[in-house]
Amino acid sequence: MIKHIVLWKLADSAEGASKHQNALRIKEMIEALKKSIPHIVKVDVGINVNKSDAAWDVALYSEFKSQQDLDIYQEHPEHKKVAAFIGKVRTDRAVADYEM
């Protein structure tokens, strides 16, 4: 089992929307991927409520049966569409993948 965790910091405004609006859109878009990419075992997207300057704005927690399934997910055209949008609204990104 591969666990895939991503954190994003978002611009205060981008693509004609506020940080919160973009966070909601990211959540909706990523959660919709489960319907089109069967390799996703689990996906959770959370929008930060912590007011600390050290906090990240959006967190993704996902699970895949194997590294190969994670690779398929990352190369899937629907995932690439979501990643392209996120690239336009984020200011920073952190990622960690680990095996259980």
N, C-alpha and C. Protein backbone atom coordinates (compact mmCIF):
# COMPACT_ATOMS: atom_id res chain seq x y z
N MET A 1 0.85 -1.18 0.00
CA MET A 1 0.00 0.00 0.00
C MET A 1 0.89 1.24 0.00
N ILE A 2 0.59 2.17 -0.90
CA ILE A 2 1.31 3.44 -0.99
C ILE A 2 0.38 4.55 -0.49
N LYS A 3 0.88 5.34 0.42
CA LYS A 3 0.15 6.51 0.91
C LYS A 3 0.79 7.73 0.24
N HIS A 4 -0.06 8.59 -0.32
CA HIS A 4 0.38 9.76 -1.08
C HIS A 4 -0.23 10.99 -0.42
N ILE A 5 0.62 11.87 0.10
CA ILE A 5 0.16 13.06 0.82
C ILE A 5 0.73 14.29 0.12
N VAL A 6 -0.15 15.25 -0.15
CA VAL A 6 0.28 16.50 -0.79
C VAL A 6 -0.33 17.66 -0.01
N LEU A 7 0.47 18.70 0.18
CA LEU A 7 0.01 19.94 0.82
C LEU A 7 0.24 21.09 -0.15
N TRP A 8 -0.72 22.02 -0.19
CA TRP A 8 -0.56 23.19 -1.05
C TRP A 8 -0.80 24.46 -0.26
N LYS A 9 -0.03 25.48 -0.58
CA LYS A 9 -0.31 26.85 -0.16
C LYS A 9 -0.86 27.54 -1.40
N LEU A 10 -1.94 28.28 -1.22
CA LEU A 10 -2.61 28.92 -2.35
C LEU A 10 -2.40 30.43 -2.34
N ALA A 11 -2.46 31.01 -3.53
CA ALA A 11 -2.42 32.46 -3.66
C ALA A 11 -3.69 33.04 -3.04
N ASP A 12 -3.60 34.26 -2.53
CA ASP A 12 -4.77 34.90 -1.94
C ASP A 12 -5.91 35.01 -2.95
N SER A 13 -5.56 35.23 -4.21
CA SER A 13 -6.54 35.19 -5.29
C SER A 13 -5.83 34.75 -6.56
N ALA A 14 -6.53 33.97 -7.38
CA ALA A 14 -5.98 33.48 -8.65
C ALA A 14 -7.11 32.95 -9.50
N GLU A 15 -6.94 33.05 -10.78
CA GLU A 15 -7.95 32.56 -11.72
C GLU A 15 -9.33 33.17 -11.45
N GLY A 16 -9.35 34.42 -11.01
CA GLY A 16 -10.60 35.12 -10.77
C GLY A 16 -11.36 34.69 -9.54
N ALA A 17 -10.67 34.00 -8.62
CA ALA A 17 -11.35 33.48 -7.42
C ALA A 17 -10.49 33.71 -6.18
N SER A 18 -11.13 33.68 -5.02
CA SER A 18 -10.42 33.82 -3.75
C SER A 18 -9.71 32.52 -3.39
N LYS A 19 -8.82 32.61 -2.41
CA LYS A 19 -8.13 31.43 -1.90
C LYS A 19 -9.14 30.36 -1.48
N HIS A 20 -10.16 30.76 -0.72
CA HIS A 20 -11.14 29.79 -0.24
C HIS A 20 -11.92 29.17 -1.39
N GLN A 21 -12.31 29.97 -2.36
CA GLN A 21 -13.04 29.44 -3.52
C GLN A 21 -12.17 28.44 -4.29
N ASN A 22 -10.90 28.75 -4.46
CA ASN A 22 -10.00 27.83 -5.15
C ASN A 22 -9.76 26.56 -4.33
N ALA A 23 -9.68 26.68 -3.02
CA ALA A 23 -9.54 25.50 -2.16
C ALA A 23 -10.75 24.58 -2.33
N LEU A 24 -11.93 25.16 -2.35
CA LEU A 24 -13.15 24.36 -2.55
C LEU A 24 -13.15 23.68 -3.91
N ARG A 25 -12.71 24.41 -4.92
CA ARG A 25 -12.66 23.83 -6.27
C ARG A 25 -11.65 22.68 -6.34
N ILE A 26 -10.49 22.86 -5.72
CA ILE A 26 -9.50 21.78 -5.68
C ILE A 26 -10.08 20.55 -5.01
N LYS A 27 -10.73 20.74 -3.88
CA LYS A 27 -11.35 19.62 -3.16
C LYS A 27 -12.33 18.87 -4.05
N GLU A 28 -13.20 19.62 -4.69
CA GLU A 28 -14.22 19.02 -5.57
C GLU A 28 -13.57 18.28 -6.74
N MET A 29 -12.59 18.90 -7.36
CA MET A 29 -11.94 18.29 -8.53
C MET A 29 -11.20 17.01 -8.16
N ILE A 30 -10.46 17.03 -7.06
CA ILE A 30 -9.69 15.84 -6.67
C ILE A 30 -10.63 14.71 -6.25
N GLU A 31 -11.64 15.03 -5.47
CA GLU A 31 -12.56 13.98 -5.03
C GLU A 31 -13.30 13.36 -6.22
N ALA A 32 -13.54 14.12 -7.27
CA ALA A 32 -14.19 13.59 -8.47
C ALA A 32 -13.30 12.60 -9.22
N LEU A 33 -11.99 12.66 -9.02
CA LEU A 33 -11.08 11.75 -9.71
C LEU A 33 -11.34 10.29 -9.35
N LYS A 34 -11.86 10.04 -8.17
CA LYS A 34 -12.13 8.66 -7.74
C LYS A 34 -13.08 7.97 -8.71
N LYS A 35 -13.98 8.73 -9.32
CA LYS A 35 -14.94 8.15 -10.27
C LYS A 35 -14.29 7.78 -11.60
N SER A 36 -13.25 8.49 -11.99
CA SER A 36 -12.65 8.24 -13.30
C SER A 36 -11.31 7.50 -13.25
N ILE A 37 -10.73 7.37 -12.07
CA ILE A 37 -9.44 6.66 -11.95
C ILE A 37 -9.61 5.54 -10.93
N PRO A 38 -9.84 4.32 -11.39
CA PRO A 38 -10.12 3.21 -10.48
C PRO A 38 -8.95 2.79 -9.60
N HIS A 39 -7.75 3.28 -9.90
CA HIS A 39 -6.56 2.91 -9.13
C HIS A 39 -6.52 3.59 -7.77
N ILE A 40 -7.36 4.59 -7.55
CA ILE A 40 -7.42 5.27 -6.26
C ILE A 40 -8.18 4.39 -5.28
N VAL A 41 -7.53 4.00 -4.21
CA VAL A 41 -8.19 3.21 -3.17
C VAL A 41 -8.97 4.14 -2.24
N LYS A 42 -8.33 5.24 -1.86
CA LYS A 42 -8.95 6.19 -0.94
C LYS A 42 -8.44 7.59 -1.26
N VAL A 43 -9.32 8.57 -1.13
CA VAL A 43 -8.90 9.96 -1.31
C VAL A 43 -9.68 10.83 -0.34
N ASP A 44 -8.95 11.68 0.37
CA ASP A 44 -9.53 12.68 1.27
C ASP A 44 -8.84 14.00 0.99
N VAL A 45 -9.63 15.06 0.89
CA VAL A 45 -9.08 16.39 0.70
C VAL A 45 -9.63 17.27 1.80
N GLY A 46 -8.74 17.94 2.52
CA GLY A 46 -9.15 18.82 3.60
C GLY A 46 -8.71 20.24 3.36
N ILE A 47 -9.56 21.17 3.76
CA ILE A 47 -9.25 22.59 3.68
C ILE A 47 -8.87 23.05 5.08
N ASN A 48 -7.73 23.68 5.19
CA ASN A 48 -7.17 24.08 6.46
C ASN A 48 -8.09 25.01 7.26
N VAL A 49 -8.13 24.78 8.58
CA VAL A 49 -8.84 25.68 9.50
C VAL A 49 -7.87 26.28 10.53
N ASN A 50 -6.60 25.88 10.47
CA ASN A 50 -5.57 26.36 11.38
C ASN A 50 -5.10 27.73 10.92
N LYS A 51 -5.09 28.72 11.80
CA LYS A 51 -4.72 30.09 11.43
C LYS A 51 -3.22 30.38 11.49
N SER A 52 -2.42 29.41 11.84
CA SER A 52 -0.97 29.59 11.94
C SER A 52 -0.35 29.93 10.58
N ASP A 53 0.67 30.78 10.57
CA ASP A 53 1.40 31.08 9.34
C ASP A 53 2.11 29.84 8.79
N ALA A 54 2.35 28.86 9.65
CA ALA A 54 3.03 27.64 9.23
C ALA A 54 2.08 26.64 8.57
N ALA A 55 0.78 26.90 8.63
CA ALA A 55 -0.21 25.97 8.09
C ALA A 55 -0.27 26.03 6.56
N TRP A 56 -0.63 24.91 5.97
CA TRP A 56 -0.86 24.81 4.53
C TRP A 56 -2.36 24.95 4.28
N ASP A 57 -2.75 25.36 3.09
CA ASP A 57 -4.15 25.66 2.81
C ASP A 57 -5.01 24.44 2.47
N VAL A 58 -4.45 23.50 1.73
CA VAL A 58 -5.20 22.32 1.31
C VAL A 58 -4.31 21.10 1.50
N ALA A 59 -4.92 20.01 2.00
CA ALA A 59 -4.18 18.76 2.20
C ALA A 59 -4.88 17.63 1.46
N LEU A 60 -4.09 16.81 0.79
CA LEU A 60 -4.59 15.60 0.12
C LEU A 60 -3.98 14.39 0.79
N TYR A 61 -4.84 13.44 1.15
CA TYR A 61 -4.39 12.13 1.63
C TYR A 61 -5.01 11.10 0.70
N SER A 62 -4.17 10.26 0.10
CA SER A 62 -4.70 9.24 -0.79
C SER A 62 -3.92 7.94 -0.63
N GLU A 63 -4.57 6.86 -1.05
CA GLU A 63 -3.97 5.53 -0.94
C GLU A 63 -4.08 4.80 -2.27
N PHE A 64 -3.03 4.02 -2.57
CA PHE A 64 -2.96 3.22 -3.78
C PHE A 64 -2.42 1.84 -3.42
N LYS A 65 -2.83 0.83 -4.14
CA LYS A 65 -2.38 -0.53 -3.84
C LYS A 65 -0.89 -0.73 -4.10
N SER A 66 -0.34 0.04 -5.05
CA SER A 66 1.07 -0.15 -5.42
C SER A 66 1.65 1.15 -5.98
N GLN A 67 2.95 1.18 -6.09
CA GLN A 67 3.61 2.33 -6.72
C GLN A 67 3.16 2.45 -8.18
N GLN A 68 2.98 1.31 -8.83
CA GLN A 68 2.51 1.32 -10.22
C GLN A 68 1.14 2.01 -10.33
N ASP A 69 0.24 1.73 -9.39
CA ASP A 69 -1.08 2.38 -9.41
C ASP A 69 -0.96 3.89 -9.18
N LEU A 70 -0.05 4.30 -8.29
CA LEU A 70 0.18 5.73 -8.08
C LEU A 70 0.73 6.38 -9.35
N ASP A 71 1.64 5.69 -10.02
CA ASP A 71 2.19 6.21 -11.27
C ASP A 71 1.11 6.36 -12.34
N ILE A 72 0.22 5.39 -12.44
CA ILE A 72 -0.89 5.45 -13.39
C ILE A 72 -1.77 6.65 -13.08
N TYR A 73 -2.08 6.84 -11.81
CA TYR A 73 -2.89 7.99 -11.36
C TYR A 73 -2.23 9.30 -11.77
N GLN A 74 -0.94 9.42 -11.52
CA GLN A 74 -0.24 10.67 -11.79
C GLN A 74 -0.16 10.99 -13.28
N GLU A 75 -0.19 9.99 -14.12
CA GLU A 75 -0.11 10.19 -15.57
C GLU A 75 -1.49 10.22 -16.23
N HIS A 76 -2.54 9.96 -15.48
CA HIS A 76 -3.89 9.93 -16.04
C HIS A 76 -4.28 11.33 -16.53
N PRO A 77 -4.90 11.43 -17.71
CA PRO A 77 -5.27 12.74 -18.26
C PRO A 77 -6.18 13.57 -17.33
N GLU A 78 -7.08 12.93 -16.61
CA GLU A 78 -7.96 13.68 -15.69
C GLU A 78 -7.17 14.26 -14.53
N HIS A 79 -6.20 13.50 -14.02
CA HIS A 79 -5.34 14.01 -12.95
C HIS A 79 -4.52 15.18 -13.47
N LYS A 80 -4.02 15.07 -14.68
CA LYS A 80 -3.20 16.15 -15.26
C LYS A 80 -4.01 17.45 -15.40
N LYS A 81 -5.31 17.34 -15.70
CA LYS A 81 -6.17 18.53 -15.77
C LYS A 81 -6.26 19.21 -14.40
N VAL A 82 -6.45 18.40 -13.37
CA VAL A 82 -6.54 18.94 -12.00
C VAL A 82 -5.20 19.57 -11.61
N ALA A 83 -4.12 18.88 -11.90
CA ALA A 83 -2.78 19.39 -11.56
C ALA A 83 -2.50 20.71 -12.27
N ALA A 84 -2.97 20.84 -13.50
CA ALA A 84 -2.77 22.09 -14.24
C ALA A 84 -3.49 23.25 -13.57
N PHE A 85 -4.72 22.99 -13.12
CA PHE A 85 -5.45 24.04 -12.41
C PHE A 85 -4.73 24.41 -11.12
N ILE A 86 -4.35 23.41 -10.35
CA ILE A 86 -3.68 23.67 -9.08
C ILE A 86 -2.40 24.47 -9.31
N GLY A 87 -1.68 24.15 -10.37
CA GLY A 87 -0.46 24.88 -10.69
C GLY A 87 -0.69 26.36 -10.91
N LYS A 88 -1.88 26.73 -11.32
CA LYS A 88 -2.21 28.14 -11.55
C LYS A 88 -2.58 28.89 -10.27
N VAL A 89 -2.99 28.16 -9.23
CA VAL A 89 -3.49 28.83 -8.02
C VAL A 89 -2.62 28.61 -6.79
N ARG A 90 -1.62 27.77 -6.88
CA ARG A 90 -0.78 27.48 -5.73
C ARG A 90 0.47 28.35 -5.72
N THR A 91 0.99 28.55 -4.52
CA THR A 91 2.27 29.24 -4.38
C THR A 91 3.36 28.29 -3.92
N ASP A 92 2.96 27.15 -3.33
CA ASP A 92 3.94 26.19 -2.84
C ASP A 92 3.29 24.82 -2.74
N ARG A 93 4.13 23.78 -2.74
CA ARG A 93 3.65 22.40 -2.70
C ARG A 93 4.64 21.55 -1.94
N ALA A 94 4.11 20.63 -1.14
CA ALA A 94 4.94 19.63 -0.47
C ALA A 94 4.30 18.27 -0.71
N VAL A 95 5.11 17.25 -0.84
CA VAL A 95 4.59 15.91 -1.10
C VAL A 95 5.41 14.87 -0.35
N ALA A 96 4.73 13.82 0.07
CA ALA A 96 5.39 12.66 0.68
C ALA A 96 4.63 11.40 0.24
N ASP A 97 5.37 10.40 -0.20
CA ASP A 97 4.82 9.09 -0.53
C ASP A 97 5.53 8.08 0.34
N TYR A 98 4.77 7.19 0.94
CA TYR A 98 5.42 6.14 1.73
C TYR A 98 4.65 4.85 1.62
N GLU A 99 5.39 3.76 1.85
CA GLU A 99 4.82 2.42 1.70
C GLU A 99 4.47 1.84 3.06
N MET A 100 3.35 1.19 3.11
CA MET A 100 2.91 0.51 4.34
C MET A 100 2.89 -0.97 4.13
